N, C-alpha and C. Protein backbone atom coordinates (compact mmCIF):
# COMPACT_ATOMS: atom_id res chain seq x y z
N MET A 1 0.82 -1.19 0.00
CA MET A 1 0.00 0.00 0.00
C MET A 1 0.87 1.26 0.00
N ASN A 2 1.97 1.23 0.75
CA ASN A 2 2.87 2.39 0.77
C ASN A 2 3.48 2.64 -0.60
N THR A 3 3.76 1.58 -1.32
CA THR A 3 4.32 1.72 -2.67
C THR A 3 3.34 2.43 -3.58
N LEU A 4 2.07 2.05 -3.50
CA LEU A 4 1.06 2.70 -4.33
C LEU A 4 0.89 4.17 -3.96
N LEU A 5 1.03 4.47 -2.69
CA LEU A 5 0.92 5.87 -2.25
C LEU A 5 2.08 6.70 -2.77
N ILE A 6 3.27 6.14 -2.77
CA ILE A 6 4.44 6.85 -3.31
C ILE A 6 4.28 7.06 -4.82
N ILE A 7 3.80 6.03 -5.51
CA ILE A 7 3.54 6.14 -6.95
C ILE A 7 2.50 7.24 -7.21
N GLN A 8 1.48 7.29 -6.36
CA GLN A 8 0.43 8.31 -6.50
C GLN A 8 1.01 9.71 -6.35
N ILE A 9 1.92 9.88 -5.42
CA ILE A 9 2.55 11.20 -5.22
C ILE A 9 3.35 11.59 -6.46
N PHE A 10 4.12 10.66 -7.02
CA PHE A 10 4.90 10.97 -8.22
C PHE A 10 4.00 11.29 -9.41
N ILE A 11 2.92 10.53 -9.58
CA ILE A 11 1.98 10.80 -10.68
C ILE A 11 1.36 12.18 -10.50
N THR A 12 0.99 12.52 -9.26
CA THR A 12 0.38 13.82 -8.98
C THR A 12 1.34 14.96 -9.31
N LEU A 13 2.58 14.84 -8.87
CA LEU A 13 3.56 15.90 -9.15
C LEU A 13 3.83 16.03 -10.65
N ALA A 14 3.91 14.90 -11.35
CA ALA A 14 4.12 14.94 -12.80
C ALA A 14 2.92 15.58 -13.50
N LEU A 15 1.72 15.25 -13.05
CA LEU A 15 0.51 15.81 -13.64
C LEU A 15 0.45 17.33 -13.43
N ILE A 16 0.79 17.78 -12.24
CA ILE A 16 0.82 19.22 -11.96
C ILE A 16 1.84 19.91 -12.87
N GLY A 17 3.03 19.31 -12.99
CA GLY A 17 4.07 19.90 -13.83
C GLY A 17 3.68 19.99 -15.29
N VAL A 18 3.08 18.93 -15.82
CA VAL A 18 2.68 18.93 -17.23
C VAL A 18 1.56 19.94 -17.47
N ILE A 19 0.63 20.04 -16.55
CA ILE A 19 -0.46 21.01 -16.71
C ILE A 19 0.09 22.44 -16.68
N LEU A 20 1.05 22.71 -15.81
CA LEU A 20 1.62 24.05 -15.75
C LEU A 20 2.45 24.40 -16.98
N LEU A 21 2.98 23.40 -17.68
CA LEU A 21 3.75 23.65 -18.89
C LEU A 21 2.87 24.02 -20.09
N GLN A 22 1.60 23.67 -20.04
CA GLN A 22 0.72 23.90 -21.18
C GLN A 22 0.33 25.37 -21.27
N ARG A 23 0.14 25.81 -22.51
CA ARG A 23 -0.33 27.17 -22.74
C ARG A 23 -1.85 27.16 -22.71
N SER A 24 -2.42 28.34 -22.49
CA SER A 24 -3.88 28.44 -22.52
C SER A 24 -4.35 28.29 -23.96
N GLU A 25 -5.59 27.90 -24.14
CA GLU A 25 -6.15 27.71 -25.48
C GLU A 25 -6.16 29.02 -26.26
N GLY A 26 -6.45 30.12 -25.63
CA GLY A 26 -6.51 31.40 -26.33
C GLY A 26 -5.16 31.83 -26.87
N GLY A 27 -4.08 31.57 -26.14
CA GLY A 27 -2.76 31.98 -26.57
C GLY A 27 -2.19 31.09 -27.66
N ALA A 28 -2.65 29.87 -27.76
CA ALA A 28 -2.09 28.94 -28.74
C ALA A 28 -2.78 28.99 -30.08
N LEU A 29 -3.90 29.70 -30.20
CA LEU A 29 -4.65 29.69 -31.45
C LEU A 29 -3.91 30.41 -32.57
N GLY A 30 -3.26 31.51 -32.28
CA GLY A 30 -2.60 32.27 -33.32
C GLY A 30 -1.15 31.87 -33.55
N MET A 31 -0.65 30.93 -32.80
CA MET A 31 0.76 30.55 -32.89
C MET A 31 0.95 29.52 -34.00
N GLY A 32 2.17 29.29 -34.38
CA GLY A 32 2.45 28.20 -35.29
C GLY A 32 3.03 28.66 -36.60
N GLY A 33 2.62 29.76 -37.13
CA GLY A 33 3.08 30.39 -38.35
C GLY A 33 3.71 29.52 -39.40
N GLY A 34 2.99 28.95 -40.31
CA GLY A 34 3.53 28.26 -41.48
C GLY A 34 4.32 27.01 -41.17
N GLY A 35 4.70 26.31 -42.22
CA GLY A 35 5.49 25.09 -42.05
C GLY A 35 4.62 23.89 -41.71
N ASN A 36 5.29 22.82 -41.34
CA ASN A 36 4.62 21.57 -41.04
C ASN A 36 4.08 21.62 -39.61
N SER A 37 2.77 21.62 -39.45
CA SER A 37 2.19 21.75 -38.12
C SER A 37 2.20 20.44 -37.34
N SER A 38 2.57 19.33 -37.98
CA SER A 38 2.60 18.06 -37.26
C SER A 38 3.95 17.82 -36.59
N SER A 39 4.89 18.73 -36.78
CA SER A 39 6.20 18.59 -36.16
C SER A 39 6.09 18.78 -34.66
N MET A 40 6.95 18.09 -33.93
CA MET A 40 6.91 18.18 -32.47
C MET A 40 7.41 19.53 -31.97
N PHE A 41 8.17 20.25 -32.79
CA PHE A 41 8.79 21.47 -32.33
C PHE A 41 7.95 22.71 -32.62
N THR A 42 6.79 22.56 -33.19
CA THR A 42 5.90 23.70 -33.36
C THR A 42 5.02 23.81 -32.13
N ALA A 43 4.34 24.93 -32.03
CA ALA A 43 3.46 25.14 -30.87
C ALA A 43 2.36 24.10 -30.82
N ARG A 44 1.79 23.77 -31.98
CA ARG A 44 0.70 22.79 -32.02
C ARG A 44 1.22 21.39 -31.69
N GLY A 45 2.39 21.03 -32.21
CA GLY A 45 2.95 19.71 -31.92
C GLY A 45 3.28 19.54 -30.46
N THR A 46 3.83 20.56 -29.85
CA THR A 46 4.13 20.51 -28.41
C THR A 46 2.85 20.44 -27.61
N SER A 47 1.84 21.18 -28.04
CA SER A 47 0.55 21.17 -27.35
C SER A 47 -0.07 19.78 -27.42
N ASN A 48 -0.01 19.14 -28.58
CA ASN A 48 -0.56 17.79 -28.72
C ASN A 48 0.20 16.80 -27.84
N LEU A 49 1.52 16.92 -27.78
CA LEU A 49 2.32 16.02 -26.95
C LEU A 49 1.97 16.21 -25.48
N LEU A 50 1.88 17.45 -25.03
CA LEU A 50 1.54 17.70 -23.63
C LEU A 50 0.12 17.24 -23.30
N THR A 51 -0.80 17.36 -24.27
CA THR A 51 -2.16 16.88 -24.06
C THR A 51 -2.18 15.37 -23.91
N ARG A 52 -1.41 14.68 -24.73
CA ARG A 52 -1.35 13.21 -24.62
C ARG A 52 -0.72 12.77 -23.31
N ILE A 53 0.35 13.44 -22.91
CA ILE A 53 1.00 13.10 -21.63
C ILE A 53 0.03 13.35 -20.47
N THR A 54 -0.72 14.46 -20.53
CA THR A 54 -1.70 14.76 -19.49
C THR A 54 -2.77 13.68 -19.43
N THR A 55 -3.23 13.23 -20.59
CA THR A 55 -4.25 12.19 -20.63
C THR A 55 -3.73 10.89 -20.01
N VAL A 56 -2.51 10.51 -20.36
CA VAL A 56 -1.94 9.27 -19.81
C VAL A 56 -1.77 9.38 -18.30
N LEU A 57 -1.25 10.51 -17.84
CA LEU A 57 -1.07 10.69 -16.40
C LEU A 57 -2.41 10.71 -15.66
N ALA A 58 -3.43 11.31 -16.26
CA ALA A 58 -4.75 11.34 -15.63
C ALA A 58 -5.34 9.93 -15.52
N VAL A 59 -5.16 9.12 -16.57
CA VAL A 59 -5.65 7.74 -16.53
C VAL A 59 -4.89 6.94 -15.47
N LEU A 60 -3.58 7.12 -15.39
CA LEU A 60 -2.79 6.45 -14.36
C LEU A 60 -3.21 6.89 -12.96
N PHE A 61 -3.48 8.19 -12.81
CA PHE A 61 -3.92 8.72 -11.52
C PHE A 61 -5.23 8.08 -11.08
N MET A 62 -6.20 8.06 -11.98
CA MET A 62 -7.51 7.48 -11.64
C MET A 62 -7.40 5.98 -11.40
N GLY A 63 -6.63 5.28 -12.22
CA GLY A 63 -6.45 3.84 -12.04
C GLY A 63 -5.80 3.52 -10.71
N ASN A 64 -4.80 4.30 -10.34
CA ASN A 64 -4.12 4.08 -9.06
C ASN A 64 -5.06 4.38 -7.89
N CYS A 65 -5.90 5.41 -8.03
CA CYS A 65 -6.89 5.72 -6.99
C CYS A 65 -7.85 4.54 -6.81
N LEU A 66 -8.34 4.01 -7.91
CA LEU A 66 -9.27 2.88 -7.83
C LEU A 66 -8.59 1.65 -7.23
N LEU A 67 -7.36 1.39 -7.62
CA LEU A 67 -6.63 0.25 -7.08
C LEU A 67 -6.42 0.38 -5.58
N MET A 68 -6.04 1.57 -5.13
CA MET A 68 -5.85 1.77 -3.69
C MET A 68 -7.17 1.62 -2.93
N THR A 69 -8.28 2.06 -3.54
CA THR A 69 -9.59 1.92 -2.90
C THR A 69 -9.97 0.46 -2.76
N VAL A 70 -9.75 -0.31 -3.81
CA VAL A 70 -10.09 -1.74 -3.77
C VAL A 70 -9.23 -2.46 -2.73
N ILE A 71 -7.95 -2.17 -2.70
CA ILE A 71 -7.07 -2.83 -1.73
C ILE A 71 -7.45 -2.46 -0.30
N THR A 72 -7.74 -1.18 -0.07
CA THR A 72 -8.13 -0.74 1.27
C THR A 72 -9.46 -1.38 1.68
N SER A 73 -10.41 -1.41 0.76
CA SER A 73 -11.71 -2.02 1.05
C SER A 73 -11.55 -3.50 1.37
N HIS A 74 -10.72 -4.17 0.62
CA HIS A 74 -10.49 -5.59 0.83
C HIS A 74 -9.84 -5.85 2.19
N SER A 75 -8.87 -5.03 2.58
CA SER A 75 -8.20 -5.24 3.86
C SER A 75 -9.13 -4.90 5.03
N ILE A 76 -10.00 -3.91 4.87
CA ILE A 76 -10.96 -3.58 5.93
C ILE A 76 -11.96 -4.72 6.10
N ASN A 77 -12.42 -5.30 5.00
CA ASN A 77 -13.35 -6.43 5.08
C ASN A 77 -12.70 -7.62 5.76
N ASN A 78 -11.45 -7.88 5.49
CA ASN A 78 -10.74 -8.99 6.13
C ASN A 78 -10.58 -8.75 7.63
N GLN A 79 -10.29 -7.52 8.03
CA GLN A 79 -10.15 -7.21 9.44
C GLN A 79 -11.49 -7.36 10.16
N THR A 80 -12.58 -6.96 9.51
CA THR A 80 -13.91 -7.09 10.11
C THR A 80 -14.27 -8.55 10.30
N LYS A 81 -13.94 -9.40 9.33
CA LYS A 81 -14.23 -10.83 9.44
C LYS A 81 -13.45 -11.47 10.58
N VAL A 82 -12.21 -11.08 10.76
CA VAL A 82 -11.38 -11.63 11.82
C VAL A 82 -11.95 -11.25 13.18
N VAL A 83 -12.37 -10.00 13.34
CA VAL A 83 -12.92 -9.54 14.61
C VAL A 83 -14.25 -10.25 14.89
N SER A 84 -15.11 -10.41 13.90
CA SER A 84 -16.40 -11.04 14.12
C SER A 84 -16.28 -12.55 14.35
N GLN A 85 -15.23 -13.18 13.88
CA GLN A 85 -15.04 -14.63 14.07
C GLN A 85 -14.41 -14.95 15.40
N ASN A 86 -13.86 -13.97 16.11
CA ASN A 86 -13.19 -14.22 17.37
C ASN A 86 -13.99 -13.56 18.52
N PRO A 87 -14.99 -14.27 19.09
CA PRO A 87 -15.86 -13.66 20.09
C PRO A 87 -15.16 -13.46 21.44
N SER A 88 -14.02 -14.07 21.68
CA SER A 88 -13.35 -13.91 22.97
C SER A 88 -12.78 -12.51 23.13
N GLN A 89 -12.60 -11.78 22.05
CA GLN A 89 -12.07 -10.42 22.09
C GLN A 89 -13.12 -9.43 22.59
N GLN A 90 -14.39 -9.76 22.48
CA GLN A 90 -15.46 -8.81 22.80
C GLN A 90 -15.84 -8.84 24.22
């Protein structure tokens, strides 16, 4: 569980960093000026790359959240079963 929490922290920091690197939609509309717009070094190409990275990080973030929830729920259910099966503790 601690490993997943550390992974979650790294994903969160990476997601924050990638979002802060992106330009606003209004500022990127007039940029690009001629040439091949599919190149990674143009404003549009960089924007597409950052959008894809953001999407991947967001999916990883949500997947890790769900995984941690399932693991926590499973461990709580196991602890409840152990307590209810041992009446001498009560």
